Amino acid sequence: MSNERVSELTRDGLKDLRHGLLRLHKLLLDLERRDYERTRGRIANSYEFLQLVLKDPWFDWLHRLSELIVQIDESLDTRDTETPPTEEDAKALIERAKNLLAPSESGTQFQKNYFLALQQSPDVVLLHSEVMRLLGR
């Protein structure tokens, strides 16, 4: 086990991964909003949408991706931390992303919904491919 600080190469990789995950998260939110509005009616404004994303079970599955992005953000922001992240910490985040983004008909709720999103949207397939490339570095 290594306790060495995160290398610049790994740090840059995490930044690229974060950017890809943010784009994927936005796309998945947009698709969920579309499906939500088809089923339950129009969402009036951005505030109402934010409240739904935070509190409505419809959007709950996306919280796993949000949490991962926040953890990556925290690992990249070392200004207020006494113990800077290590290479091992960074590798753990990358593994977490790989596990989360493993679509499955019988996996976690996120993996099931992600599987469906991949079936329904070529845009999700393209972004998934891009993120997988980033994870394969």
Protein backbone atom coordinates (compact mmCIF):
# COMPACT_ATOMS: atom_id res chain seq x y z
CA MET A 1 0.00 0.00 0.00
CA SER A 2 1.30 3.37 -1.00
CA ASN A 3 1.00 6.57 0.98
CA GLU A 4 2.60 8.78 -1.64
CA ARG A 5 0.83 12.00 -2.54
CA VAL A 6 -1.25 12.14 -5.68
CA SER A 7 0.96 12.67 -8.71
CA GLU A 8 0.20 15.48 -11.16
CA LEU A 9 -0.64 12.87 -13.80
CA THR A 10 -3.20 11.19 -11.53
CA ARG A 11 -4.54 14.58 -10.44
CA ASP A 12 -5.04 15.61 -14.08
CA GLY A 13 -6.76 12.28 -14.72
CA LEU A 14 -9.13 12.89 -11.80
CA LYS A 15 -9.92 16.37 -13.14
CA ASP A 16 -10.73 14.91 -16.56
CA LEU A 17 -12.83 12.17 -14.94
CA ARG A 18 -14.70 14.75 -12.87
CA HIS A 19 -15.47 16.75 -16.00
CA GLY A 20 -16.75 13.64 -17.81
CA LEU A 21 -18.87 12.60 -14.82
CA LEU A 22 -20.37 16.09 -14.58
CA ARG A 23 -21.37 15.97 -18.24
CA LEU A 24 -22.85 12.49 -17.77
CA HIS A 25 -24.70 13.62 -14.63
CA LYS A 26 -26.22 16.60 -16.47
CA LEU A 27 -27.33 14.42 -19.37
CA LEU A 28 -28.90 11.85 -17.03
CA LEU A 29 -30.66 14.64 -15.11
CA ASP A 30 -32.02 16.07 -18.36
CA LEU A 31 -33.32 12.66 -19.44
CA GLU A 32 -34.90 12.02 -16.04
CA ARG A 33 -36.53 15.44 -16.10
CA ARG A 34 -37.99 14.68 -19.53
CA ASP A 35 -39.38 11.34 -18.33
CA TYR A 36 -40.65 12.87 -15.09
CA GLU A 37 -42.49 15.61 -16.97
CA ARG A 38 -44.02 13.09 -19.38
CA THR A 39 -45.34 11.10 -16.45
CA ARG A 40 -46.19 13.72 -13.85
CA GLY A 41 -46.49 17.00 -15.70
CA ARG A 42 -44.34 20.02 -16.33
CA ILE A 43 -41.84 21.22 -13.72
CA ALA A 44 -42.50 24.94 -13.26
CA ASN A 45 -38.98 26.29 -12.72
CA SER A 46 -35.37 25.56 -11.79
CA TYR A 47 -36.05 25.84 -8.06
CA GLU A 48 -38.84 23.27 -8.23
CA PHE A 49 -36.59 21.00 -10.28
CA LEU A 50 -33.78 21.32 -7.72
CA GLN A 51 -36.19 20.43 -4.92
CA LEU A 52 -37.34 17.37 -6.85
CA VAL A 53 -33.76 16.27 -7.55
CA LEU A 54 -32.91 16.58 -3.87
CA LYS A 55 -36.06 15.07 -2.37
CA ASP A 56 -38.16 13.09 -4.86
CA PRO A 57 -37.50 9.33 -4.98
CA TRP A 58 -37.72 9.56 -8.79
CA PHE A 59 -34.25 11.16 -8.87
CA ASP A 60 -32.74 9.32 -5.90
CA TRP A 61 -30.67 6.94 -8.01
CA LEU A 62 -28.64 9.88 -9.37
CA HIS A 63 -27.43 10.79 -5.88
CA ARG A 64 -24.76 8.03 -6.11
CA LEU A 65 -23.18 9.84 -9.05
CA SER A 66 -23.48 13.22 -7.31
CA GLU A 67 -21.76 11.80 -4.22
CA LEU A 68 -18.90 10.41 -6.29
CA ILE A 69 -18.35 13.76 -8.00
CA VAL A 70 -18.29 15.49 -4.60
CA GLN A 71 -15.71 12.99 -3.33
CA ILE A 72 -13.52 13.66 -6.36
CA ASP A 73 -13.92 17.41 -5.77
CA GLU A 74 -12.87 16.98 -2.15
CA SER A 75 -9.82 14.95 -3.13
CA LEU A 76 -8.77 17.63 -5.61
CA ASP A 77 -9.26 20.50 -3.14
CA THR A 78 -6.42 20.07 -0.67
CA ARG A 79 -6.31 23.65 0.66
CA ASP A 80 -7.95 22.94 4.03
CA THR A 81 -6.85 19.38 4.63
CA GLU A 82 -4.15 18.20 7.00
CA THR A 83 -3.74 14.90 5.19
CA PRO A 84 -3.51 15.33 1.43
CA PRO A 85 -4.97 12.55 -0.71
CA THR A 86 -2.65 9.75 -1.76
CA GLU A 87 -2.27 7.81 -5.00
CA GLU A 88 -4.14 5.03 -3.24
CA ASP A 89 -7.05 7.39 -2.47
CA ALA A 90 -7.19 8.45 -6.11
CA LYS A 91 -7.14 4.85 -7.33
CA ALA A 92 -9.98 4.03 -4.92
CA LEU A 93 -12.09 6.83 -6.44
CA ILE A 94 -11.37 5.54 -9.94
CA GLU A 95 -12.40 2.02 -8.90
CA ARG A 96 -15.56 3.42 -7.34
CA ALA A 97 -16.40 5.14 -10.63
CA LYS A 98 -15.80 1.91 -12.58
CA ASN A 99 -18.07 -0.04 -10.22
CA LEU A 100 -20.79 2.60 -10.25
CA LEU A 101 -20.81 2.92 -14.03
CA ALA A 102 -21.11 -0.82 -14.63
CA PRO A 103 -24.61 -1.04 -16.13
CA SER A 104 -26.56 -4.09 -15.05
CA GLU A 105 -30.13 -5.35 -15.24
CA SER A 106 -29.68 -6.96 -11.82
CA GLY A 107 -27.21 -4.66 -10.03
CA THR A 108 -27.74 -1.70 -7.73
CA GLN A 109 -30.56 0.75 -8.38
CA PHE A 110 -28.08 3.07 -10.05
CA GLN A 111 -26.73 0.29 -12.28
CA LYS A 112 -30.26 -0.77 -13.30
CA ASN A 113 -31.35 2.77 -14.17
CA TYR A 114 -28.03 3.44 -15.89
CA PHE A 115 -28.53 0.29 -17.95
CA LEU A 116 -31.94 1.60 -19.06
CA ALA A 117 -30.50 5.04 -19.88
CA LEU A 118 -27.87 3.39 -22.08
CA GLN A 119 -30.63 1.47 -23.90
CA GLN A 120 -32.67 4.62 -24.48
CA SER A 121 -30.13 7.29 -25.36
CA PRO A 122 -27.28 7.28 -27.87
CA ASP A 123 -25.95 10.38 -26.11
CA VAL A 124 -25.56 8.40 -22.88
CA VAL A 125 -23.76 5.66 -24.82
CA LEU A 126 -21.31 8.20 -26.25
CA LEU A 127 -20.61 9.83 -22.90
CA HIS A 128 -20.32 6.43 -21.22
CA SER A 129 -17.72 5.47 -23.77
CA GLU A 130 -15.80 8.69 -23.16
CA VAL A 131 -15.84 8.22 -19.37
CA MET A 132 -14.78 4.57 -19.73
CA ARG A 133 -11.83 5.73 -21.83
CA LEU A 134 -10.87 8.16 -19.05
CA LEU A 135 -11.16 5.38 -16.48
CA GLY A 136 -8.94 3.12 -18.56
CA ARG A 137 -5.92 5.42 -18.43
